[in-house]
Structure formats: structure tokens, C-alpha cells
Amino acid sequence: MASAEPNPTATAGTAERTEPDWTDQVTDLIVDSVDKVRARTTGPLLDVSRAAVLALVAVIVLVPVLVIVVVGLTRFLHWLLPGGIWVSYLVMGALFVLLGAFLWSRRRD
């Protein structure tokens, strides 16, 4: 039968593996430090660049949509109201003046 004596080299090897290795600790410390510095420096920069790209895309999309809406509203008013095209221009001008007056009243001094 086989003897159940413990192997002294196997016991010593497992004891060394359970102790923390200082090289792993130093490596983890360096990696954590680099991650913190990166998060504080490039993190906000990436957020600002993302916001700038989204704002640019929004402007590129919204300006043509706004022009098409104004043209469509003018044509709809021309179809709806009797008289010449000047009536729809008058209504649109009045709407823009009212909108401008409202925005002017909401400004901050």
C-alpha cells in the first residue's frame, strides 16, 4: 500500500504560492495609478469631444429640417388663406415677431 506521508516540497510550494508576491503588488499599484491619471485627464476630454460631435450632428440635421418646416408652413398658409402669397408672408412674419418678442423678454441681463 502507498504511504500517506506528506511531501515536504509540495507543502513548501503551496505555502509560497499563497503569500502575496511583491512584484504583483507593485504592478497592480502602477496599473491602478495609471488608470486613475487616465480617468482624470482623458475622461473629461472624451466627454467634451463626444458632446461637440453630437452638437455638430444635431446642427447639421436640424438646420435643413427647420428650413423645410418653414417653407412647408408658408406653402400651407398660402393654400389655406385667401389672397396672394403676401398674406402667408404676413402671418409668418407676425409669428416670427411674436417668437422674437417672447425670446427677448426671456433674456438674462
Protein backbone atom coordinates (compact mmCIF):
# COMPACT_ATOMS: atom_id res chain seq x y z
CA MET A 1 0.00 0.00 0.00
CA ALA A 2 1.05 3.54 -0.54
CA SER A 3 2.20 5.54 2.39
CA ALA A 4 0.30 8.69 3.32
CA GLU A 5 3.34 10.76 4.19
CA PRO A 6 3.13 14.38 3.13
CA ASN A 7 5.60 15.54 0.52
CA PRO A 8 7.72 18.34 2.06
CA THR A 9 8.40 20.03 -1.32
CA ALA A 10 4.71 20.15 -2.23
CA THR A 11 3.82 21.72 1.13
CA ALA A 12 6.56 24.33 0.83
CA GLY A 13 5.49 25.16 -2.75
CA THR A 14 1.87 25.79 -1.82
CA ALA A 15 2.90 27.95 1.13
CA GLU A 16 4.96 30.15 -1.20
CA ARG A 17 2.09 30.47 -3.68
CA THR A 18 -0.38 31.71 -1.05
CA GLU A 19 1.92 34.52 0.10
CA PRO A 20 1.43 37.72 -1.90
CA ASP A 21 4.17 38.40 -4.40
CA TRP A 22 5.62 41.93 -4.14
CA THR A 23 6.04 42.16 -7.90
CA ASP A 24 2.33 41.59 -8.40
CA GLN A 25 1.54 44.23 -5.79
CA VAL A 26 3.84 46.80 -7.43
CA THR A 27 2.40 46.02 -10.85
CA ASP A 28 -1.16 46.41 -9.55
CA LEU A 29 -0.21 49.70 -7.88
CA ILE A 30 1.29 51.07 -11.10
CA VAL A 31 -1.68 49.94 -13.18
CA ASP A 32 -4.14 51.48 -10.72
CA SER A 33 -2.19 54.75 -10.68
CA VAL A 34 -2.11 54.94 -14.47
CA ASP A 35 -5.84 54.19 -14.65
CA LYS A 36 -6.60 56.98 -12.16
CA VAL A 37 -4.49 59.50 -14.08
CA ARG A 38 -6.09 58.48 -17.37
CA ALA A 39 -9.59 58.76 -15.90
CA ARG A 40 -8.87 62.28 -14.61
CA THR A 41 -7.20 63.58 -17.78
CA THR A 42 -8.65 61.92 -20.84
CA GLY A 43 -12.07 61.08 -19.37
CA PRO A 44 -13.37 64.68 -19.36
CA LEU A 45 -11.70 65.31 -22.73
CA LEU A 46 -13.54 62.38 -24.26
CA ASP A 47 -16.84 63.63 -22.81
CA VAL A 48 -16.32 67.11 -24.28
CA SER A 49 -15.37 65.74 -27.69
CA ARG A 50 -18.41 63.44 -27.68
CA ALA A 51 -20.68 66.37 -26.83
CA ALA A 52 -19.11 68.50 -29.58
CA VAL A 53 -19.64 65.80 -32.18
CA LEU A 54 -23.26 65.28 -31.13
CA ALA A 55 -23.92 69.03 -31.20
CA LEU A 56 -22.42 69.30 -34.68
CA VAL A 57 -24.55 66.43 -35.94
CA ALA A 58 -27.65 67.99 -34.37
CA VAL A 59 -26.96 71.32 -36.08
CA ILE A 60 -26.31 69.65 -39.44
CA VAL A 61 -29.60 67.76 -39.18
CA LEU A 62 -31.80 70.44 -37.58
CA VAL A 63 -30.98 73.40 -39.84
CA PRO A 64 -32.28 71.78 -43.05
CA VAL A 65 -35.28 70.38 -41.18
CA LEU A 66 -36.11 73.84 -39.85
CA VAL A 67 -35.85 75.36 -43.34
CA ILE A 68 -38.12 72.67 -44.78
CA VAL A 69 -40.67 73.21 -41.99
CA VAL A 70 -40.75 76.98 -42.58
CA VAL A 71 -41.15 76.53 -46.35
CA GLY A 72 -43.87 73.92 -45.83
CA LEU A 73 -45.72 76.11 -43.34
CA THR A 74 -45.57 79.05 -45.75
CA ARG A 75 -46.94 76.94 -48.60
CA PHE A 76 -49.66 75.52 -46.33
CA LEU A 77 -50.70 79.02 -45.28
CA HIS A 78 -50.77 80.11 -48.94
CA TRP A 79 -53.10 77.21 -49.70
CA LEU A 80 -55.23 77.82 -46.60
CA LEU A 81 -55.66 81.60 -46.60
CA PRO A 82 -57.40 83.59 -49.34
CA GLY A 83 -55.42 86.28 -51.15
CA GLY A 84 -51.92 86.33 -52.51
CA ILE A 85 -48.73 84.92 -51.15
CA TRP A 86 -48.22 88.15 -49.20
CA VAL A 87 -50.88 87.02 -46.70
CA SER A 88 -48.90 83.92 -45.75
CA TYR A 89 -45.73 86.05 -45.58
CA LEU A 90 -47.56 88.46 -43.27
CA VAL A 91 -48.71 85.62 -40.98
CA MET A 92 -45.24 84.05 -40.89
CA GLY A 93 -43.66 87.46 -40.19
CA ALA A 94 -46.10 88.04 -37.34
CA LEU A 95 -45.29 84.61 -35.89
CA PHE A 96 -41.56 85.32 -36.06
CA VAL A 97 -42.01 88.76 -34.45
CA LEU A 98 -44.05 87.23 -31.62
CA LEU A 99 -41.49 84.48 -31.14
CA GLY A 100 -38.67 87.04 -31.12
CA ALA A 101 -40.52 89.25 -28.62
CA PHE A 102 -41.09 86.26 -26.34
CA LEU A 103 -37.44 85.21 -26.51
CA TRP A 104 -36.34 88.80 -25.95
CA SER A 105 -38.45 89.01 -22.81
CA ARG A 106 -36.86 85.78 -21.51
CA ARG A 107 -33.26 87.02 -21.93
CA ARG A 108 -30.97 87.45 -18.96
CA ASP A 109 -29.37 90.83 -18.42
